Structure formats: structure tokens, C-alpha cells
Protein backbone atom coordinates (compact mmCIF):
# COMPACT_ATOMS: atom_id res chain seq x y z
CA MET A 1 251.75 -76.74 59.42
CA SER A 2 250.88 -78.57 56.37
CA ASP A 3 247.27 -79.41 55.36
CA GLN A 4 248.30 -82.58 53.48
CA PRO A 5 246.42 -84.62 56.25
CA VAL A 6 243.70 -82.69 55.98
CA ILE A 7 242.95 -82.90 51.81
CA ARG A 8 244.09 -86.79 52.25
CA ALA A 9 241.44 -87.35 54.59
CA ILE A 10 238.45 -85.35 52.38
CA ARG A 11 239.77 -87.17 49.62
CA ASP A 12 239.89 -90.68 51.18
CA ARG A 13 236.48 -89.85 52.48
CA GLU A 14 235.08 -88.64 49.13
CA PHE A 15 236.01 -91.93 47.43
CA ALA A 16 234.13 -93.67 50.29
CA TYR A 17 231.31 -91.41 49.53
CA LEU A 18 231.20 -92.24 45.90
CA LEU A 19 230.64 -95.93 46.75
CA THR A 20 227.39 -95.22 48.83
CA GLY A 21 224.47 -95.76 47.32
CA THR A 22 221.75 -93.41 46.18
CA ARG A 23 218.14 -93.70 44.55
CA LEU A 24 217.73 -92.83 41.06
CA ARG A 25 214.29 -92.45 39.03
CA PHE A 26 214.73 -92.98 35.41
CA LYS A 27 213.46 -90.36 33.03
CA GLN A 28 213.39 -92.30 29.92
CA LYS A 29 213.58 -96.23 28.88
CA ILE A 30 217.07 -97.39 28.53
CA PRO A 31 218.49 -100.23 27.14
CA ARG A 32 221.19 -102.54 28.84
CA ILE A 33 224.19 -100.09 29.96
CA ASP A 34 227.42 -101.12 31.06
CA ILE A 35 229.64 -98.57 33.04
CA GLY A 36 232.64 -100.03 34.47
CA SER A 37 231.71 -102.73 36.24
CA ILE A 38 228.16 -102.34 36.86
CA HIS A 39 225.74 -104.09 34.36
CA LEU A 40 222.19 -102.23 34.07
CA GLU A 41 219.43 -104.31 32.50
CA PRO A 42 216.84 -102.35 30.41
CA MET A 43 214.81 -99.65 32.43
CA ASN A 44 211.56 -98.07 31.81
CA GLU A 45 210.73 -94.61 32.54
CA GLY A 46 209.64 -94.03 36.08
CA ASP A 47 211.46 -96.94 37.40
CA THR A 48 213.88 -96.44 40.29
CA ILE A 49 216.93 -97.89 41.19
CA ASP A 50 219.68 -97.68 44.25
CA LEU A 51 223.29 -97.28 42.63
CA PRO A 52 226.64 -96.24 43.87
CA ARG A 53 226.85 -92.14 43.42
CA TRP A 54 229.77 -92.57 41.14
CA VAL A 55 227.26 -94.35 38.52
CA ALA A 56 224.56 -91.96 39.48
CA GLU A 57 226.51 -89.03 38.70
CA VAL A 58 227.34 -90.17 35.15
CA LEU A 59 223.63 -91.26 34.61
CA VAL A 60 222.36 -87.94 35.72
CA GLU A 61 224.87 -86.00 33.45
CA MET A 62 223.70 -88.21 30.70
CA GLY A 63 220.22 -87.04 31.25
CA VAL A 64 218.89 -90.67 31.81
CA CYS A 65 218.09 -90.33 35.50
CA GLU A 66 217.27 -87.79 38.29
CA ASN A 67 218.45 -87.96 41.78
CA GLN A 68 215.83 -88.71 44.20
CA GLU A 69 217.86 -87.14 46.93
CA GLU A 70 216.31 -83.78 48.36
CA ASN A 71 217.16 -80.80 46.26
CA PHE A 72 220.65 -79.81 47.53
CA SER A 73 219.82 -76.21 47.35
CA SER A 74 216.86 -76.79 49.53
CA GLU A 75 219.33 -78.94 51.72
CA VAL A 76 221.88 -75.86 52.23
CA PHE A 77 219.16 -73.27 52.74
CA LYS A 78 217.87 -75.25 55.87
CA ALA A 79 221.36 -75.73 56.98
CA VAL A 80 222.11 -72.08 56.98
CA THR A 81 218.56 -71.81 58.51
CA ARG A 82 219.23 -73.89 61.48
CA GLU A 83 222.68 -72.58 61.94
CA LYS A 84 221.39 -69.08 62.34
CA ILE A 85 218.68 -70.06 64.90
CA ALA A 86 221.16 -71.92 66.89
CA GLY A 87 222.46 -68.66 67.68
CA SER A 88 226.17 -67.30 68.09
CA ASP A 89 227.50 -70.00 70.57
CA GLN A 90 225.64 -73.03 69.50
CA LEU A 91 226.39 -75.38 66.83
CA SER A 92 223.53 -77.17 64.47
CA THR A 93 224.37 -80.56 63.46
CA LEU A 94 225.08 -81.57 59.84
CA ARG A 95 225.12 -84.90 58.06
CA PRO A 96 228.51 -86.27 58.52
CA ASP A 97 228.57 -86.11 54.38
CA PHE A 98 227.54 -82.79 53.98
CA TYR A 99 230.61 -81.22 52.87
CA LEU A 100 231.26 -84.36 50.76
CA LYS A 101 227.84 -83.56 48.81
CA VAL A 102 229.15 -80.01 48.82
CA ARG A 103 232.16 -80.78 46.70
CA ARG A 104 230.63 -82.78 44.38
CA GLN A 105 227.69 -80.24 43.52
CA LEU A 106 230.62 -77.43 43.29
CA PHE A 107 232.25 -79.20 40.85
CA PHE A 108 229.04 -80.62 38.90
CA GLY A 109 227.54 -77.52 39.26
CA ALA A 110 230.42 -75.47 37.90
CA GLN A 111 230.13 -77.68 34.67
CA ALA A 112 226.37 -77.42 34.48
CA PRO A 113 226.15 -73.89 32.70
CA ASN A 114 227.97 -75.68 30.23
CA PHE A 115 224.94 -77.86 29.46
CA ARG A 116 222.02 -75.62 31.05
CA PRO A 117 223.00 -71.88 31.16
CA SER A 118 219.37 -71.61 32.82
CA SER A 119 221.07 -73.07 36.23
CA ILE A 120 223.79 -70.36 36.38
CA PRO A 121 221.39 -68.38 38.75
CA GLU A 122 220.44 -71.40 41.28
CA PHE A 123 224.40 -72.29 41.39
CA GLU A 124 225.25 -69.01 42.35
CA LYS A 125 222.59 -69.03 45.18
CA MET A 126 223.75 -72.21 46.38
CA ARG A 127 227.45 -71.34 46.29
CA THR A 128 226.85 -68.04 48.04
CA LEU A 129 224.53 -70.34 50.54
CA VAL A 130 227.39 -72.70 51.29
CA TYR A 131 229.89 -69.91 51.59
CA ASP A 132 227.78 -68.44 54.42
CA LEU A 133 227.10 -71.52 56.04
CA VAL A 134 230.83 -72.28 56.06
CA ALA A 135 231.57 -68.95 57.40
CA LEU A 136 229.18 -69.12 60.37
CA ARG A 137 230.50 -72.23 61.28
CA LEU A 138 234.25 -71.48 61.18
CA ARG A 139 233.61 -68.67 63.40
CA LYS A 140 231.53 -71.17 66.08
CA ILE A 141 234.35 -73.64 65.59
CA LEU A 142 236.68 -71.10 66.28
CA SER A 143 235.47 -69.80 69.31
CA LEU A 144 234.54 -73.04 70.76
CA ALA A 145 238.22 -74.07 70.15
CA THR A 146 239.59 -71.16 72.21
CA SER A 147 237.38 -72.13 75.20
CA LEU A 148 239.08 -74.05 78.02
CA SER A 149 236.45 -76.87 78.08
CA PRO A 150 234.27 -77.15 74.94
CA PRO A 151 231.23 -78.91 74.81
CA THR A 152 231.45 -82.87 75.43
CA ASP A 153 229.01 -83.10 72.28
CA ILE A 154 231.41 -81.04 70.02
CA LYS A 155 232.11 -84.47 67.79
CA GLU A 156 228.41 -85.15 67.51
CA LYS A 157 227.58 -82.01 66.39
CA LEU A 158 230.63 -81.27 63.69
CA THR A 159 231.47 -83.17 60.49
CA PRO A 160 234.60 -85.11 60.40
CA GLU A 161 236.09 -82.43 58.43
CA GLU A 162 235.11 -79.69 61.12
CA TYR A 163 236.37 -81.84 63.94
CA GLN A 164 239.59 -82.04 62.36
CA ILE A 165 239.85 -78.46 62.13
CA PHE A 166 238.51 -78.14 65.72
CA ASP A 167 240.87 -80.77 67.15
CA SER A 168 244.12 -79.28 65.53
CA VAL A 169 242.92 -75.61 66.48
CA TYR A 170 241.98 -76.75 69.99
CA GLY A 171 245.34 -79.03 70.50
CA LEU A 172 247.70 -75.89 69.37
CA LEU A 173 245.71 -73.40 71.73
CA HIS A 174 246.02 -75.71 74.64
CA SER A 175 249.80 -76.12 73.90
CA TRP A 176 250.32 -72.60 73.46
CA ARG A 177 248.52 -71.61 77.18
CA SER A 178 250.74 -74.19 78.53
CA ILE A 179 254.03 -72.52 77.53
CA VAL A 180 252.90 -69.26 78.10
CA MET A 181 250.74 -69.54 81.09
CA GLU A 182 252.11 -72.53 82.86
CA GLY A 183 255.86 -72.43 81.60
CA LYS A 184 255.54 -76.01 80.49
């Protein structure tokens, strides 16, 4: 079984995600800046602006801006807590772009120690929480995929990446059951 469709789907979604907007706050006064086809007029410290994520990542990496979204470590901690509270047979809901955000955070977080060694402990804690969350959710997804009749709201509870896993495993198991138990 090839994993190429999954990888391609994630990369396609990540490309679209990088084009979505996010709010930034400038940490300093800046002159006009040209980043690719984006032209930013002069900004003052404290000004906020909505920009595509790929531009935001460049400005944050330069230290010019800070992202105004919720701290990602906090978002991951809340997701793990909700997943544990939901119990072993129920899934909490994650944002559809959750794993796209995880990929970007892990990519930039792995580079951050080169710039800020003090960020290593927070990055490692966040990475551990992500692994915990993935393990929790995968166990639940696989359990639901073995069910003869999964919940009707399963697609709403899963991110697109998770649903692709669920759908593949469920289909495979359904085919296997048909061959083994019904001789089809």
C-alpha cells in the first residue's frame, strides 16, 4: 500500500494553508518591505496586519513581528486535555488545520534552538504533547475503524488527514470481513 496519496494530500493542504491569512503585530517600526509579490508599507511598533501565513513566517523569523494567534503549546495542551476527558471511545474535535499547524511549528521549532537556545525545553514539551495526542487519537481512530457501524458524525470529529486514515483502514477491514466471513 503506497503512502503517496496521503503525503500528496498533506502537501497540497499545507500549500493552501500557507496562503490563508493570519494576524501579526509589529514589534518595531519598519520601512517599506517587499517579500516576493507582497509589498508592505511602513509600519509602526504595535501596528497589526493580516497577511498570508508564508509571509508571516518570514516576518516572525526575522524578529520583526509576533503572531497574534493563541500560543501553539497552549493549543496542543488543551487538545490533549480534551482528548483525555472525552474518554477511550469518544473523539474530541480538532481544527481542520491542526496537523498543518503542527507540521509548521515542529519545522520552525526544530530550527529555533539555533536562534534561541532558551526555547528548547518548551519545544520539547510541545513535541511530547503532540506525540501523546497523536497516539491517543490513532488508538481511537483504529478502534472506530474496526467497528461494523462507526458513528455517523465521524467525519466531523476528524481532521482531513485523520479521516483519510480512518477511511482507508475501515475500507480495508470491510473488504477483509466480506472475504473471510461472507466468502465474497
